[in-house]
Amino acid sequence: MSSLGEEAKDWVISIIIAIALAFVIRQFVVELYIVDGPSMRPTLQSQERLVVNKFIYDFRAPKKGEILVFQYPRDTSRDFIKRVIATPGDTIEIKGGRVYVNDQMLEEDYILEKTRSEYPKATVPEGTVFVMGDNRNNSEDSRFADVGFVPYKLIKGKAVLVFWPLSAFKTLP
């Protein structure tokens, strides 16, 4: 009878350790997200599942071209996913349907179509990034006042992998 009690005790301890590890991993290492909406098409489709690295930006700043998840500045209970276009100190401008960073036109083979809006030349402040969706004409991003330059403190992590559906499995830049 005591061996049955010891086995039950081992199971309980194992379950508690597994739950604690899952909590630590989700809180500090990676989190799973669902893409909601068309703003990142064609790179990401609505309802795809992503793995987001939550600790990478504890060690370095976001880089141009990375796809990140951040809290919507106007309502931090909502998360957005966008691509980093410019980093602190860069100038950003959109004219004639093209995006210019530091007066150089970006080669953007990942966008759905040319941008229909304009954006006056501006410098990205320290501690922030300028983000845009890949579906430029259907994306609420840094071009709009309610998003603006995204502060580092609102960034939740870098999207690194699409894992579902399996047919869409891929790593992200």
C-alpha atoms as a PDB file:
ATOM      1  CA  MET A   1       0.000   0.000   0.000  1.00  0.00           C
ATOM      2  CA  SER A   2       2.857   2.403   0.737  1.00  0.00           C
ATOM      3  CA  SER A   3       4.281   1.881  -2.790  1.00  0.00           C
ATOM      4  CA  LEU A   4       0.918   3.013  -4.218  1.00  0.00           C
ATOM      5  CA  GLY A   5       1.025   6.097  -1.970  1.00  0.00           C
ATOM      6  CA  GLU A   6       4.600   6.846  -3.017  1.00  0.00           C
ATOM      7  CA  GLU A   7       3.654   6.481  -6.702  1.00  0.00           C
ATOM      8  CA  ALA A   8       0.725   8.875  -6.250  1.00  0.00           C
ATOM      9  CA  LYS A   9       3.049  11.314  -4.457  1.00  0.00           C
ATOM     10  CA  ASP A  10       5.544  11.089  -7.376  1.00  0.00           C
ATOM     11  CA  TRP A  11       2.737  11.795  -9.857  1.00  0.00           C
ATOM     12  CA  VAL A  12       1.542  14.832  -7.903  1.00  0.00           C
ATOM     13  CA  ILE A  13       5.088  16.209  -7.670  1.00  0.00           C
ATOM     14  CA  SER A  14       5.633  15.622 -11.406  1.00  0.00           C
ATOM     15  CA  ILE A  15       2.389  17.409 -12.272  1.00  0.00           C
ATOM     16  CA  ILE A  16       3.248  20.370 -10.028  1.00  0.00           C
ATOM     17  CA  ILE A  17       6.722  20.655 -11.617  1.00  0.00           C
ATOM     18  CA  ALA A  18       5.217  20.480 -15.132  1.00  0.00           C
ATOM     19  CA  ILE A  19       2.705  23.218 -14.322  1.00  0.00           C
ATOM     20  CA  ALA A  20       5.413  25.410 -12.780  1.00  0.00           C
ATOM     21  CA  LEU A  21       7.685  24.931 -15.814  1.00  0.00           C
ATOM     22  CA  ALA A  22       4.844  25.709 -18.221  1.00  0.00           C
ATOM     23  CA  PHE A  23       4.076  28.897 -16.284  1.00  0.00           C
ATOM     24  CA  VAL A  24       7.719  30.036 -16.298  1.00  0.00           C
ATOM     25  CA  ILE A  25       8.141  29.263 -20.006  1.00  0.00           C
ATOM     26  CA  ARG A  26       4.924  31.097 -20.955  1.00  0.00           C
ATOM     27  CA  GLN A  27       5.679  34.065 -18.711  1.00  0.00           C
ATOM     28  CA  PHE A  28       9.318  34.626 -19.644  1.00  0.00           C
ATOM     29  CA  VAL A  29      10.404  32.578 -22.681  1.00  0.00           C
ATOM     30  CA  VAL A  30       7.799  32.043 -25.413  1.00  0.00           C
ATOM     31  CA  GLU A  31       4.102  32.624 -25.887  1.00  0.00           C
ATOM     32  CA  LEU A  32       1.673  31.437 -28.532  1.00  0.00           C
ATOM     33  CA  TYR A  33      -0.426  33.940 -30.478  1.00  0.00           C
ATOM     34  CA  ILE A  34      -3.179  33.761 -33.087  1.00  0.00           C
ATOM     35  CA  VAL A  35      -3.046  36.175 -36.024  1.00  0.00           C
ATOM     36  CA  ASP A  36      -6.342  38.064 -36.100  1.00  0.00           C
ATOM     37  CA  GLY A  37      -7.086  39.994 -39.277  1.00  0.00           C
ATOM     38  CA  PRO A  38      -5.535  40.688 -42.675  1.00  0.00           C
ATOM     39  CA  SER A  39      -2.974  43.410 -41.793  1.00  0.00           C
ATOM     40  CA  MET A  40       0.082  41.152 -42.229  1.00  0.00           C
ATOM     41  CA  ARG A  41      -0.962  39.475 -45.497  1.00  0.00           C
ATOM     42  CA  PRO A  42       0.684  37.953 -47.487  1.00  0.00           C
ATOM     43  CA  THR A  43       3.330  37.050 -44.849  1.00  0.00           C
ATOM     44  CA  LEU A  44       0.815  35.966 -42.198  1.00  0.00           C
ATOM     45  CA  GLN A  45      -2.779  34.879 -42.652  1.00  0.00           C
ATOM     46  CA  SER A  46      -5.621  35.370 -40.200  1.00  0.00           C
ATOM     47  CA  GLN A  47      -5.959  32.467 -37.735  1.00  0.00           C
ATOM     48  CA  GLU A  48      -2.366  31.257 -38.146  1.00  0.00           C
ATOM     49  CA  ARG A  49      -0.691  30.335 -34.863  1.00  0.00           C
ATOM     50  CA  LEU A  50       2.696  31.852 -33.961  1.00  0.00           C
ATOM     51  CA  VAL A  51       5.470  31.269 -31.472  1.00  0.00           C
ATOM     52  CA  VAL A  52       6.722  34.568 -30.038  1.00  0.00           C
ATOM     53  CA  ASN A  53      10.125  34.871 -28.356  1.00  0.00           C
ATOM     54  CA  LYS A  54       9.446  37.001 -25.264  1.00  0.00           C
ATOM     55  CA  PHE A  55      12.990  37.455 -23.961  1.00  0.00           C
ATOM     56  CA  ILE A  56      15.054  38.389 -27.038  1.00  0.00           C
ATOM     57  CA  TYR A  57      14.484  42.118 -26.570  1.00  0.00           C
ATOM     58  CA  ASP A  58      15.795  41.905 -23.019  1.00  0.00           C
ATOM     59  CA  PHE A  59      19.208  41.418 -24.642  1.00  0.00           C
ATOM     60  CA  ARG A  60      18.991  43.576 -27.772  1.00  0.00           C
ATOM     61  CA  ALA A  61      16.803  46.125 -29.530  1.00  0.00           C
ATOM     62  CA  PRO A  62      14.376  45.200 -32.328  1.00  0.00           C
ATOM     63  CA  LYS A  63      15.895  45.172 -35.826  1.00  0.00           C
ATOM     64  CA  LYS A  64      14.447  46.356 -39.115  1.00  0.00           C
ATOM     65  CA  GLY A  65      12.438  43.665 -40.868  1.00  0.00           C
ATOM     66  CA  GLU A  66      11.552  41.724 -37.731  1.00  0.00           C
ATOM     67  CA  ILE A  67       7.917  40.929 -37.026  1.00  0.00           C
ATOM     68  CA  LEU A  68       6.908  41.716 -33.483  1.00  0.00           C
ATOM     69  CA  VAL A  69       3.922  41.581 -31.170  1.00  0.00           C
ATOM     70  CA  PHE A  70       3.173  44.681 -29.124  1.00  0.00           C
ATOM     71  CA  GLN A  71       0.431  46.100 -26.958  1.00  0.00           C
ATOM     72  CA  TYR A  72      -1.834  48.552 -28.770  1.00  0.00           C
ATOM     73  CA  PRO A  73      -0.918  51.916 -27.196  1.00  0.00           C
ATOM     74  CA  ARG A  74      -4.515  53.124 -26.897  1.00  0.00           C
ATOM     75  CA  ASP A  75      -5.775  49.885 -25.280  1.00  0.00           C
ATOM     76  CA  THR A  76      -2.976  47.734 -23.840  1.00  0.00           C
ATOM     77  CA  SER A  77      -5.330  44.780 -23.391  1.00  0.00           C
ATOM     78  CA  ARG A  78      -5.110  44.312 -27.201  1.00  0.00           C
ATOM     79  CA  ASP A  79      -2.051  42.993 -29.029  1.00  0.00           C
ATOM     80  CA  PHE A  80      -0.952  43.944 -32.549  1.00  0.00           C
ATOM     81  CA  ILE A  81       1.519  42.213 -34.845  1.00  0.00           C
ATOM     82  CA  LYS A  82       3.517  44.314 -37.332  1.00  0.00           C
ATOM     83  CA  ARG A  83       6.891  44.542 -39.067  1.00  0.00           C
ATOM     84  CA  VAL A  84       9.658  46.882 -37.836  1.00  0.00           C
ATOM     85  CA  ILE A  85      10.383  49.401 -40.588  1.00  0.00           C
ATOM     86  CA  ALA A  86      12.588  51.922 -38.787  1.00  0.00           C
ATOM     87  CA  THR A  87      14.490  52.018 -35.498  1.00  0.00           C
ATOM     88  CA  PRO A  88      15.624  54.888 -33.216  1.00  0.00           C
ATOM     89  CA  GLY A  89      17.402  57.699 -35.050  1.00  0.00           C
ATOM     90  CA  ASP A  90      16.184  56.614 -38.504  1.00  0.00           C
ATOM     91  CA  THR A  91      14.161  58.960 -40.672  1.00  0.00           C
ATOM     92  CA  ILE A  92      10.973  57.557 -42.165  1.00  0.00           C
ATOM     93  CA  GLU A  93       8.951  58.943 -45.057  1.00  0.00           C
ATOM     94  CA  ILE A  94       6.263  57.561 -47.354  1.00  0.00           C
ATOM     95  CA  LYS A  95       5.749  59.245 -50.700  1.00  0.00           C
ATOM     96  CA  GLY A  96       4.498  58.085 -54.064  1.00  0.00           C
ATOM     97  CA  GLY A  97       3.515  54.712 -52.633  1.00  0.00           C
ATOM     98  CA  ARG A  98       7.090  53.958 -51.523  1.00  0.00           C
ATOM     99  CA  VAL A  99       8.659  53.801 -48.076  1.00  0.00           C
ATOM    100  CA  TYR A 100      11.971  55.583 -47.489  1.00  0.00           C
ATOM    101  CA  VAL A 101      14.196  54.987 -44.478  1.00  0.00           C
ATOM    102  CA  ASN A 102      17.142  57.357 -44.147  1.00  0.00           C
ATOM    103  CA  ASP A 103      16.309  58.648 -47.669  1.00  0.00           C
ATOM    104  CA  GLN A 104      16.744  55.153 -49.145  1.00  0.00           C
ATOM    105  CA  MET A 105      13.746  53.466 -50.761  1.00  0.00           C
ATOM    106  CA  LEU A 106      13.011  50.118 -49.126  1.00  0.00           C
ATOM    107  CA  GLU A 107      12.898  47.034 -51.318  1.00  0.00           C
ATOM    108  CA  GLU A 108       9.833  45.330 -49.893  1.00  0.00           C
ATOM    109  CA  ASP A 109       9.140  42.008 -51.566  1.00  0.00           C
ATOM    110  CA  TYR A 110       6.933  41.006 -48.623  1.00  0.00           C
ATOM    111  CA  ILE A 111       4.148  43.607 -49.053  1.00  0.00           C
ATOM    112  CA  LEU A 112       0.763  42.881 -50.592  1.00  0.00           C
ATOM    113  CA  GLU A 113       0.593  46.116 -52.609  1.00  0.00           C
ATOM    114  CA  LYS A 114       2.060  49.614 -52.754  1.00  0.00           C
ATOM    115  CA  THR A 115       1.094  52.000 -49.998  1.00  0.00           C
ATOM    116  CA  ARG A 116      -1.689  54.399 -50.973  1.00  0.00           C
ATOM    117  CA  SER A 117      -1.036  56.823 -48.104  1.00  0.00           C
ATOM    118  CA  GLU A 118       1.670  59.414 -47.586  1.00  0.00           C
ATOM    119  CA  TYR A 119       3.657  60.011 -44.393  1.00  0.00           C
ATOM    120  CA  PRO A 120       5.746  63.130 -43.817  1.00  0.00           C
ATOM    121  CA  LYS A 121       9.442  62.764 -43.043  1.00  0.00           C
ATOM    122  CA  ALA A 122       9.968  62.103 -39.331  1.00  0.00           C
ATOM    123  CA  THR A 123      12.740  60.815 -37.091  1.00  0.00           C
ATOM    124  CA  VAL A 124      12.098  57.755 -34.931  1.00  0.00           C
ATOM    125  CA  PRO A 125      12.597  58.757 -31.266  1.00  0.00           C
ATOM    126  CA  GLU A 126      14.932  56.862 -28.939  1.00  0.00           C
ATOM    127  CA  GLY A 127      13.308  53.857 -27.273  1.00  0.00           C
ATOM    128  CA  THR A 128      10.715  53.386 -30.026  1.00  0.00           C
ATOM    129  CA  VAL A 129      10.225  51.704 -33.409  1.00  0.00           C
ATOM    130  CA  PHE A 130       8.134  52.542 -36.475  1.00  0.00           C
ATOM    131  CA  VAL A 131       6.019  49.547 -37.527  1.00  0.00           C
ATOM    132  CA  MET A 132       3.789  48.747 -40.495  1.00  0.00           C
ATOM    133  CA  GLY A 133       1.659  45.839 -41.597  1.00  0.00           C
ATOM    134  CA  ASP A 134       2.601  44.021 -44.806  1.00  0.00           C
ATOM    135  CA  ASN A 135      -0.939  44.665 -46.105  1.00  0.00           C
ATOM    136  CA  ARG A 136      -0.230  48.396 -46.076  1.00  0.00           C
ATOM    137  CA  ASN A 137      -3.650  49.534 -47.214  1.00  0.00           C
ATOM    138  CA  ASN A 138      -5.450  47.490 -44.563  1.00  0.00           C
ATOM    139  CA  SER A 139      -3.244  48.001 -41.517  1.00  0.00           C
ATOM    140  CA  GLU A 140      -3.516  50.214 -38.449  1.00  0.00           C
ATOM    141  CA  ASP A 141       0.135  50.915 -37.730  1.00  0.00           C
ATOM    142  CA  SER A 142       2.653  53.668 -36.898  1.00  0.00           C
ATOM    143  CA  ARG A 143       1.273  55.911 -39.631  1.00  0.00           C
ATOM    144  CA  PHE A 144      -1.793  56.468 -37.447  1.00  0.00           C
ATOM    145  CA  ALA A 145      -1.796  58.660 -34.326  1.00  0.00           C
ATOM    146  CA  ASP A 146      -3.414  55.997 -32.123  1.00  0.00           C
ATOM    147  CA  VAL A 147      -0.425  53.693 -32.727  1.00  0.00           C
ATOM    148  CA  GLY A 148       2.429  56.083 -33.584  1.00  0.00           C
ATOM    149  CA  PHE A 149       5.994  55.212 -32.693  1.00  0.00           C
ATOM    150  CA  VAL A 150       5.811  52.049 -30.567  1.00  0.00           C
ATOM    151  CA  PRO A 151       7.708  52.321 -27.246  1.00  0.00           C
ATOM    152  CA  TYR A 152       9.982  49.397 -26.383  1.00  0.00           C
ATOM    153  CA  LYS A 153       8.054  48.950 -23.114  1.00  0.00           C
ATOM    154  CA  LEU A 154       4.955  47.898 -25.103  1.00  0.00           C
ATOM    155  CA  ILE A 155       6.779  45.260 -27.159  1.00  0.00           C
ATOM    156  CA  LYS A 156       5.918  41.730 -26.034  1.00  0.00           C
ATOM    157  CA  GLY A 157       8.273  39.803 -28.300  1.00  0.00           C
ATOM    158  CA  LYS A 158       9.519  38.751 -31.722  1.00  0.00           C
ATOM    159  CA  ALA A 159       7.436  36.397 -33.862  1.00  0.00           C
ATOM    160  CA  VAL A 160       9.770  33.541 -34.789  1.00  0.00           C
ATOM    161  CA  LEU A 161       7.632  30.687 -36.118  1.00  0.00           C
ATOM    162  CA  VAL A 162       4.278  29.909 -37.714  1.00  0.00           C
ATOM    163  CA  PHE A 163       3.332  26.448 -36.452  1.00  0.00           C
ATOM    164  CA  TRP A 164      -0.338  26.090 -37.393  1.00  0.00           C
ATOM    165  CA  PRO A 165      -1.805  25.128 -39.732  1.00  0.00           C
ATOM    166  CA  LEU A 166       0.969  22.687 -40.538  1.00  0.00           C
ATOM    167  CA  SER A 167       0.759  23.575 -44.237  1.00  0.00           C
ATOM    168  CA  ALA A 168       1.859  27.136 -43.299  1.00  0.00           C
ATOM    169  CA  PHE A 169       4.762  26.015 -41.051  1.00  0.00           C
ATOM    170  CA  LYS A 170       7.692  28.440 -41.451  1.00  0.00           C
ATOM    171  CA  THR A 171      10.258  30.475 -39.582  1.00  0.00           C
ATOM    172  CA  LEU A 172      10.010  34.262 -39.653  1.00  0.00           C
ATOM    173  CA  PRO A 173      12.804  36.818 -40.237  1.00  0.00           C
END
